[in-house]
Structures are given as C-alpha cells and as structure tokens.
Amino acid sequence: MGLPLIIVLTLFKNRRYVVDWMDYYESALRHGMQSERVLSRIESDVSDVYGAEYRDRVFERLRFVVEHPCSSTVEHQ
C-alpha cells in the first residue's frame, strides 16, 4: 500500500511539481482500479489541495479521455 494521494499532492504542491494526471489515471487502471473510482479519488483530493477551479480543469481533460478512449493507450473498463 502506498501513501494516500492527498499527502503526495500536498508534497507536490509545496515543491511546485506538476502531476501528470493522464499517467496517474492510466497507471491506476493498469493496477486494477475502476475508472470511476480513480476519478472519485482524484476529485476529492485535488479539490482539497488545489481548489475547485484546478480540479475542474483536471476533470475536463480526464473526462475527455474517458469519453474518447481512442485518445488514450489504456482500455477503459
């Protein structure tokens, strides 16, 4: 089991790192997580750390990938 996402995001924010959300999403799917579960975890933790506006931008891009699977390298479940 790894670190909770909110801890990682807080560390990244403090160090001014940028998260590759597409890679995170696809990696989670490869490790057996369901798409909606991944999005749900991202939604709450991103909102807590970065705020609603940033969360909305992340989700706009991720939702596009979920709705257009041919733009991604992972099959969505």
PDB file of N, CA and C in Angstrom:
ATOM      1  N   MET A   1       0.850  -1.177   0.000  1.00  0.00           N
ATOM      2  CA  MET A   1       0.000   0.000   0.000  1.00  0.00           C
ATOM      3  C   MET A   1       0.895   1.239   0.000  1.00  0.00           C
ATOM      4  N   GLY A   2       0.520   2.225  -0.774  1.00  0.00           N
ATOM      5  CA  GLY A   2       1.319   3.437  -0.884  1.00  0.00           C
ATOM      6  C   GLY A   2       0.806   4.559  -0.002  1.00  0.00           C
ATOM      7  N   LEU A   3       1.375   5.703  -0.207  1.00  0.00           N
ATOM      8  CA  LEU A   3       0.944   6.905   0.525  1.00  0.00           C
ATOM      9  C   LEU A   3      -0.420   7.369   0.030  1.00  0.00           C
ATOM     10  N   PRO A   4      -1.232   7.927   0.916  1.00  0.00           N
ATOM     11  CA  PRO A   4      -2.503   8.494   0.466  1.00  0.00           C
ATOM     12  C   PRO A   4      -2.250   9.619  -0.553  1.00  0.00           C
ATOM     13  N   LEU A   5      -3.105   9.681  -1.548  1.00  0.00           N
ATOM     14  CA  LEU A   5      -2.955  10.666  -2.620  1.00  0.00           C
ATOM     15  C   LEU A   5      -2.877  12.087  -2.086  1.00  0.00           C
ATOM     16  N   ILE A   6      -3.655  12.424  -1.087  1.00  0.00           N
ATOM     17  CA  ILE A   6      -3.664  13.791  -0.570  1.00  0.00           C
ATOM     18  C   ILE A   6      -2.291  14.193  -0.010  1.00  0.00           C
ATOM     19  N   ILE A   7      -1.577  13.243   0.583  1.00  0.00           N
ATOM     20  CA  ILE A   7      -0.235  13.535   1.100  1.00  0.00           C
ATOM     21  C   ILE A   7       0.734  13.795  -0.055  1.00  0.00           C
ATOM     22  N   VAL A   8       0.655  12.967  -1.078  1.00  0.00           N
ATOM     23  CA  VAL A   8       1.518  13.143  -2.241  1.00  0.00           C
ATOM     24  C   VAL A   8       1.217  14.481  -2.921  1.00  0.00           C
ATOM     25  N   LEU A   9      -0.048  14.804  -3.077  1.00  0.00           N
ATOM     26  CA  LEU A   9      -0.424  16.062  -3.732  1.00  0.00           C
ATOM     27  C   LEU A   9       0.045  17.271  -2.935  1.00  0.00           C
ATOM     28  N   THR A  10      -0.067  17.197  -1.628  1.00  0.00           N
ATOM     29  CA  THR A  10       0.395  18.301  -0.787  1.00  0.00           C
ATOM     30  C   THR A  10       1.902  18.488  -0.939  1.00  0.00           C
ATOM     31  N   LEU A  11       2.641  17.403  -0.933  1.00  0.00           N
ATOM     32  CA  LEU A  11       4.085  17.465  -1.140  1.00  0.00           C
ATOM     33  C   LEU A  11       4.411  18.055  -2.510  1.00  0.00           C
ATOM     34  N   PHE A  12       3.729  17.570  -3.538  1.00  0.00           N
ATOM     35  CA  PHE A  12       3.958  18.092  -4.891  1.00  0.00           C
ATOM     36  C   PHE A  12       3.656  19.581  -4.968  1.00  0.00           C
ATOM     37  N   LYS A  13       2.559  19.990  -4.380  1.00  0.00           N
ATOM     38  CA  LYS A  13       2.196  21.407  -4.421  1.00  0.00           C
ATOM     39  C   LYS A  13       3.256  22.255  -3.710  1.00  0.00           C
ATOM     40  N   ASN A  14       3.686  21.820  -2.559  1.00  0.00           N
ATOM     41  CA  ASN A  14       4.691  22.563  -1.798  1.00  0.00           C
ATOM     42  C   ASN A  14       6.018  22.675  -2.544  1.00  0.00           C
ATOM     43  N   ARG A  15       6.321  21.667  -3.343  1.00  0.00           N
ATOM     44  CA  ARG A  15       7.583  21.671  -4.103  1.00  0.00           C
ATOM     45  C   ARG A  15       7.405  22.201  -5.525  1.00  0.00           C
ATOM     46  N   ARG A  16       6.171  22.601  -5.829  1.00  0.00           N
ATOM     47  CA  ARG A  16       5.838  23.174  -7.141  1.00  0.00           C
ATOM     48  C   ARG A  16       6.028  22.175  -8.284  1.00  0.00           C
ATOM     49  N   TYR A  17       5.757  20.892  -7.993  1.00  0.00           N
ATOM     50  CA  TYR A  17       5.801  19.853  -9.009  1.00  0.00           C
ATOM     51  C   TYR A  17       4.470  19.845  -9.749  1.00  0.00           C
ATOM     52  N   VAL A  18       4.483  19.303 -10.949  1.00  0.00           N
ATOM     53  CA  VAL A  18       3.267  19.184 -11.747  1.00  0.00           C
ATOM     54  C   VAL A  18       2.929  17.701 -11.885  1.00  0.00           C
ATOM     55  N   VAL A  19       1.699  17.366 -11.611  1.00  0.00           N
ATOM     56  CA  VAL A  19       1.240  15.981 -11.705  1.00  0.00           C
ATOM     57  C   VAL A  19       0.859  15.670 -13.153  1.00  0.00           C
ATOM     58  N   ASP A  20       1.297  14.537 -13.637  1.00  0.00           N
ATOM     59  CA  ASP A  20       0.870  14.042 -14.947  1.00  0.00           C
ATOM     60  C   ASP A  20      -0.399  13.232 -14.707  1.00  0.00           C
ATOM     61  N   TRP A  21      -1.539  13.901 -14.785  1.00  0.00           N
ATOM     62  CA  TRP A  21      -2.805  13.258 -14.426  1.00  0.00           C
ATOM     63  C   TRP A  21      -3.167  12.125 -15.362  1.00  0.00           C
ATOM     64  N   MET A  22      -2.824  12.251 -16.626  1.00  0.00           N
ATOM     65  CA  MET A  22      -3.125  11.180 -17.566  1.00  0.00           C
ATOM     66  C   MET A  22      -2.342   9.924 -17.193  1.00  0.00           C
ATOM     67  N   ASP A  23      -1.077  10.081 -16.852  1.00  0.00           N
ATOM     68  CA  ASP A  23      -0.265   8.943 -16.445  1.00  0.00           C
ATOM     69  C   ASP A  23      -0.798   8.328 -15.147  1.00  0.00           C
ATOM     70  N   TYR A  24      -1.171   9.179 -14.195  1.00  0.00           N
ATOM     71  CA  TYR A  24      -1.721   8.682 -12.938  1.00  0.00           C
ATOM     72  C   TYR A  24      -2.986   7.856 -13.202  1.00  0.00           C
ATOM     73  N   TYR A  25      -3.863   8.397 -14.015  1.00  0.00           N
ATOM     74  CA  TYR A  25      -5.128   7.728 -14.338  1.00  0.00           C
ATOM     75  C   TYR A  25      -4.867   6.380 -15.014  1.00  0.00           C
ATOM     76  N   GLU A  26      -4.030   6.384 -16.044  1.00  0.00           N
ATOM     77  CA  GLU A  26      -3.763   5.147 -16.777  1.00  0.00           C
ATOM     78  C   GLU A  26      -3.050   4.118 -15.905  1.00  0.00           C
ATOM     79  N   SER A  27      -2.153   4.558 -15.053  1.00  0.00           N
ATOM     80  CA  SER A  27      -1.453   3.652 -14.143  1.00  0.00           C
ATOM     81  C   SER A  27      -2.437   3.007 -13.164  1.00  0.00           C
ATOM     82  N   ALA A  28      -3.349   3.785 -12.654  1.00  0.00           N
ATOM     83  CA  ALA A  28      -4.360   3.243 -11.734  1.00  0.00           C
ATOM     84  C   ALA A  28      -5.215   2.188 -12.430  1.00  0.00           C
ATOM     85  N   LEU A  29      -5.588   2.440 -13.678  1.00  0.00           N
ATOM     86  CA  LEU A  29      -6.369   1.448 -14.431  1.00  0.00           C
ATOM     87  C   LEU A  29      -5.561   0.173 -14.637  1.00  0.00           C
ATOM     88  N   ARG A  30      -4.286   0.317 -14.963  1.00  0.00           N
ATOM     89  CA  ARG A  30      -3.429  -0.862 -15.162  1.00  0.00           C
ATOM     90  C   ARG A  30      -3.299  -1.686 -13.882  1.00  0.00           C
ATOM     91  N   HIS A  31      -3.423  -1.023 -12.735  1.00  0.00           N
ATOM     92  CA  HIS A  31      -3.316  -1.726 -11.457  1.00  0.00           C
ATOM     93  C   HIS A  31      -4.669  -2.219 -10.949  1.00  0.00           C
ATOM     94  N   GLY A  32      -5.671  -2.189 -11.817  1.00  0.00           N
ATOM     95  CA  GLY A  32      -6.950  -2.808 -11.496  1.00  0.00           C
ATOM     96  C   GLY A  32      -8.027  -1.908 -10.922  1.00  0.00           C
ATOM     97  N   MET A  33      -7.756  -0.630 -10.786  1.00  0.00           N
ATOM     98  CA  MET A  33      -8.803   0.263 -10.272  1.00  0.00           C
ATOM     99  C   MET A  33      -9.829   0.555 -11.369  1.00  0.00           C
ATOM    100  N   GLN A  34     -11.060   0.694 -10.970  1.00  0.00           N
ATOM    101  CA  GLN A  34     -12.122   1.065 -11.902  1.00  0.00           C
ATOM    102  C   GLN A  34     -12.035   2.561 -12.214  1.00  0.00           C
ATOM    103  N   SER A  35     -12.395   2.925 -13.417  1.00  0.00           N
ATOM    104  CA  SER A  35     -12.299   4.309 -13.875  1.00  0.00           C
ATOM    105  C   SER A  35     -13.004   5.286 -12.932  1.00  0.00           C
ATOM    106  N   GLU A  36     -14.236   4.982 -12.568  1.00  0.00           N
ATOM    107  CA  GLU A  36     -14.989   5.912 -11.716  1.00  0.00           C
ATOM    108  C   GLU A  36     -14.366   6.060 -10.337  1.00  0.00           C
ATOM    109  N   ARG A  37     -13.758   4.989  -9.824  1.00  0.00           N
ATOM    110  CA  ARG A  37     -13.087   5.055  -8.524  1.00  0.00           C
ATOM    111  C   ARG A  37     -11.860   5.962  -8.598  1.00  0.00           C
ATOM    112  N   VAL A  38     -11.100   5.837  -9.666  1.00  0.00           N
ATOM    113  CA  VAL A  38      -9.924   6.693  -9.850  1.00  0.00           C
ATOM    114  C   VAL A  38     -10.352   8.157  -9.906  1.00  0.00           C
ATOM    115  N   LEU A  39     -11.359   8.432 -10.716  1.00  0.00           N
ATOM    116  CA  LEU A  39     -11.830   9.815 -10.859  1.00  0.00           C
ATOM    117  C   LEU A  39     -12.369  10.358  -9.542  1.00  0.00           C
ATOM    118  N   SER A  40     -13.049   9.522  -8.785  1.00  0.00           N
ATOM    119  CA  SER A  40     -13.592   9.942  -7.495  1.00  0.00           C
ATOM    120  C   SER A  40     -12.486  10.317  -6.517  1.00  0.00           C
ATOM    121  N   ARG A  41     -11.445   9.513  -6.464  1.00  0.00           N
ATOM    122  CA  ARG A  41     -10.320   9.803  -5.561  1.00  0.00           C
ATOM    123  C   ARG A  41      -9.618  11.088  -5.978  1.00  0.00           C
ATOM    124  N   ILE A  42      -9.399  11.228  -7.267  1.00  0.00           N
ATOM    125  CA  ILE A  42      -8.745  12.441  -7.764  1.00  0.00           C
ATOM    126  C   ILE A  42      -9.591  13.665  -7.427  1.00  0.00           C
ATOM    127  N   GLU A  43     -10.887  13.562  -7.660  1.00  0.00           N
ATOM    128  CA  GLU A  43     -11.780  14.709  -7.463  1.00  0.00           C
ATOM    129  C   GLU A  43     -11.697  15.269  -6.053  1.00  0.00           C
ATOM    130  N   SER A  44     -11.829  14.422  -5.060  1.00  0.00           N
ATOM    131  CA  SER A  44     -11.849  14.936  -3.691  1.00  0.00           C
ATOM    132  C   SER A  44     -10.485  15.447  -3.243  1.00  0.00           C
ATOM    133  N   ASP A  45      -9.434  14.709  -3.540  1.00  0.00           N
ATOM    134  CA  ASP A  45      -8.112  15.117  -3.073  1.00  0.00           C
ATOM    135  C   ASP A  45      -7.578  16.332  -3.813  1.00  0.00           C
ATOM    136  N   VAL A  46      -7.799  16.404  -5.102  1.00  0.00           N
ATOM    137  CA  VAL A  46      -7.351  17.576  -5.871  1.00  0.00           C
ATOM    138  C   VAL A  46      -8.078  18.822  -5.394  1.00  0.00           C
ATOM    139  N   SER A  47      -9.350  18.703  -5.152  1.00  0.00           N
ATOM    140  CA  SER A  47     -10.120  19.843  -4.660  1.00  0.00           C
ATOM    141  C   SER A  47      -9.598  20.312  -3.309  1.00  0.00           C
ATOM    142  N   ASP A  48      -9.302  19.370  -2.414  1.00  0.00           N
ATOM    143  CA  ASP A  48      -8.797  19.728  -1.084  1.00  0.00           C
ATOM    144  C   ASP A  48      -7.445  20.429  -1.147  1.00  0.00           C
ATOM    145  N   VAL A  49      -6.567  19.993  -2.036  1.00  0.00           N
ATOM    146  CA  VAL A  49      -5.213  20.529  -2.086  1.00  0.00           C
ATOM    147  C   VAL A  49      -5.103  21.754  -2.994  1.00  0.00           C
ATOM    148  N   TYR A  50      -5.707  21.682  -4.178  1.00  0.00           N
ATOM    149  CA  TYR A  50      -5.520  22.732  -5.183  1.00  0.00           C
ATOM    150  C   TYR A  50      -6.713  23.667  -5.358  1.00  0.00           C
ATOM    151  N   GLY A  51      -7.881  23.251  -4.900  1.00  0.00           N
ATOM    152  CA  GLY A  51      -9.076  24.067  -5.056  1.00  0.00           C
ATOM    153  C   GLY A  51      -9.952  23.607  -6.214  1.00  0.00           C
ATOM    154  N   ALA A  52     -11.174  24.097  -6.205  1.00  0.00           N
ATOM    155  CA  ALA A  52     -12.191  23.655  -7.166  1.00  0.00           C
ATOM    156  C   ALA A  52     -11.865  24.037  -8.608  1.00  0.00           C
ATOM    157  N   GLU A  53     -11.295  25.193  -8.824  1.00  0.00           N
ATOM    158  CA  GLU A  53     -11.002  25.628 -10.194  1.00  0.00           C
ATOM    159  C   GLU A  53      -9.978  24.704 -10.864  1.00  0.00           C
ATOM    160  N   TYR A  54      -8.921  24.389 -10.154  1.00  0.00           N
ATOM    161  CA  TYR A  54      -7.905  23.478 -10.689  1.00  0.00           C
ATOM    162  C   TYR A  54      -8.510  22.093 -10.910  1.00  0.00           C
ATOM    163  N   ARG A  55      -9.285  21.628  -9.938  1.00  0.00           N
ATOM    164  CA  ARG A  55      -9.953  20.327 -10.074  1.00  0.00           C
ATOM    165  C   ARG A  55     -10.808  20.274 -11.326  1.00  0.00           C
ATOM    166  N   ASP A  56     -11.536  21.344 -11.588  1.00  0.00           N
ATOM    167  CA  ASP A  56     -12.400  21.377 -12.768  1.00  0.00           C
ATOM    168  C   ASP A  56     -11.595  21.272 -14.064  1.00  0.00           C
ATOM    169  N   ARG A  57     -10.432  21.912 -14.108  1.00  0.00           N
ATOM    170  CA  ARG A  57      -9.585  21.825 -15.302  1.00  0.00           C
ATOM    171  C   ARG A  57      -9.033  20.416 -15.486  1.00  0.00           C
ATOM    172  N   VAL A  58      -8.602  19.796 -14.394  1.00  0.00           N
ATOM    173  CA  VAL A  58      -8.101  18.424 -14.463  1.00  0.00           C
ATOM    174  C   VAL A  58      -9.206  17.498 -14.956  1.00  0.00           C
ATOM    175  N   PHE A  59     -10.392  17.655 -14.398  1.00  0.00           N
ATOM    176  CA  PHE A  59     -11.500  16.780 -14.761  1.00  0.00           C
ATOM    177  C   PHE A  59     -11.974  16.990 -16.185  1.00  0.00           C
ATOM    178  N   GLU A  60     -11.927  18.181 -16.659  1.00  0.00           N
ATOM    179  CA  GLU A  60     -12.317  18.441 -18.047  1.00  0.00           C
ATOM    180  C   GLU A  60     -11.441  17.609 -18.986  1.00  0.00           C
ATOM    181  N   ARG A  61     -10.152  17.590 -18.718  1.00  0.00           N
ATOM    182  CA  ARG A  61      -9.228  16.829 -19.571  1.00  0.00           C
ATOM    183  C   ARG A  61      -9.388  15.324 -19.386  1.00  0.00           C
ATOM    184  N   LEU A  62      -9.511  14.884 -18.143  1.00  0.00           N
ATOM    185  CA  LEU A  62      -9.658  13.448 -17.904  1.00  0.00           C
ATOM    186  C   LEU A  62     -10.983  12.913 -18.446  1.00  0.00           C
ATOM    187  N   ARG A  63     -12.040  13.665 -18.282  1.00  0.00           N
ATOM    188  CA  ARG A  63     -13.341  13.225 -18.806  1.00  0.00           C
ATOM    189  C   ARG A  63     -13.291  13.063 -20.320  1.00  0.00           C
ATOM    190  N   PHE A  64     -12.559  13.958 -20.982  1.00  0.00           N
ATOM    191  CA  PHE A  64     -12.415  13.839 -22.428  1.00  0.00           C
ATOM    192  C   PHE A  64     -11.792  12.497 -22.788  1.00  0.00           C
ATOM    193  N   VAL A  65     -10.753  12.103 -22.072  1.00  0.00           N
ATOM    194  CA  VAL A  65     -10.074  10.837 -22.335  1.00  0.00           C
ATOM    195  C   VAL A  65     -11.004   9.662 -22.048  1.00  0.00           C
ATOM    196  N   VAL A  66     -11.749   9.744 -20.960  1.00  0.00           N
ATOM    197  CA  VAL A  66     -12.673   8.665 -20.615  1.00  0.00           C
ATOM    198  C   VAL A  66     -13.749   8.524 -21.691  1.00  0.00           C
ATOM    199  N   GLU A  67     -14.229   9.633 -22.193  1.00  0.00           N
ATOM    200  CA  GLU A  67     -15.300   9.609 -23.197  1.00  0.00           C
ATOM    201  C   GLU A  67     -14.786   9.315 -24.605  1.00  0.00           C
ATOM    202  N   HIS A  68     -13.492   9.462 -24.839  1.00  0.00           N
ATOM    203  CA  HIS A  68     -12.874   9.221 -26.145  1.00  0.00           C
ATOM    204  C   HIS A  68     -11.690   8.275 -25.970  1.00  0.00           C
ATOM    205  N   PRO A  69     -11.957   7.004 -25.680  1.00  0.00           N
ATOM    206  CA  PRO A  69     -10.881   6.063 -25.342  1.00  0.00           C
ATOM    207  C   PRO A  69      -9.798   5.917 -26.396  1.00  0.00           C
ATOM    208  N   CYS A  70     -10.101   6.194 -27.644  1.00  0.00           N
ATOM    209  CA  CYS A  70      -9.071   6.045 -28.667  1.00  0.00           C
ATOM    210  C   CYS A  70      -7.951   7.077 -28.494  1.00  0.00           C
ATOM    211  N   SER A  71      -8.170   8.110 -27.677  1.00  0.00           N
ATOM    212  CA  SER A  71      -7.125   9.098 -27.441  1.00  0.00           C
ATOM    213  C   SER A  71      -6.175   8.668 -26.332  1.00  0.00           C
ATOM    214  N   SER A  72      -6.429   7.496 -25.763  1.00  0.00           N
ATOM    215  CA  SER A  72      -5.615   7.006 -24.645  1.00  0.00           C
ATOM    216  C   SER A  72      -4.995   5.657 -25.013  1.00  0.00           C
ATOM    217  N   THR A  73      -3.959   5.281 -24.280  1.00  0.00           N
ATOM    218  CA  THR A  73      -3.297   3.996 -24.551  1.00  0.00           C
ATOM    219  C   THR A  73      -3.863   2.859 -23.717  1.00  0.00           C
ATOM    220  N   VAL A  74      -4.774   3.155 -22.788  1.00  0.00           N
ATOM    221  CA  VAL A  74      -5.336   2.136 -21.909  1.00  0.00           C
ATOM    222  C   VAL A  74      -6.804   1.941 -22.233  1.00  0.00           C
ATOM    223  N   GLU A  75      -7.231   0.676 -22.282  1.00  0.00           N
ATOM    224  CA  GLU A  75      -8.646   0.413 -22.450  1.00  0.00           C
ATOM    225  C   GLU A  75      -9.353   0.733 -21.150  1.00  0.00           C
ATOM    226  N   HIS A  76     -10.467   1.440 -21.247  1.00  0.00           N
ATOM    227  CA  HIS A  76     -11.220   1.823 -20.046  1.00  0.00           C
ATOM    228  C   HIS A  76     -12.243   0.754 -19.741  1.00  0.00           C
ATOM    229  N   GLN A  77     -12.381   0.478 -18.458  1.00  0.00           N
ATOM    230  CA  GLN A  77     -13.280  -0.596 -18.030  1.00  0.00           C
ATOM    231  C   GLN A  77     -14.671  -0.083 -17.812  1.00  0.00           C
TER     232      GLN A  77
END
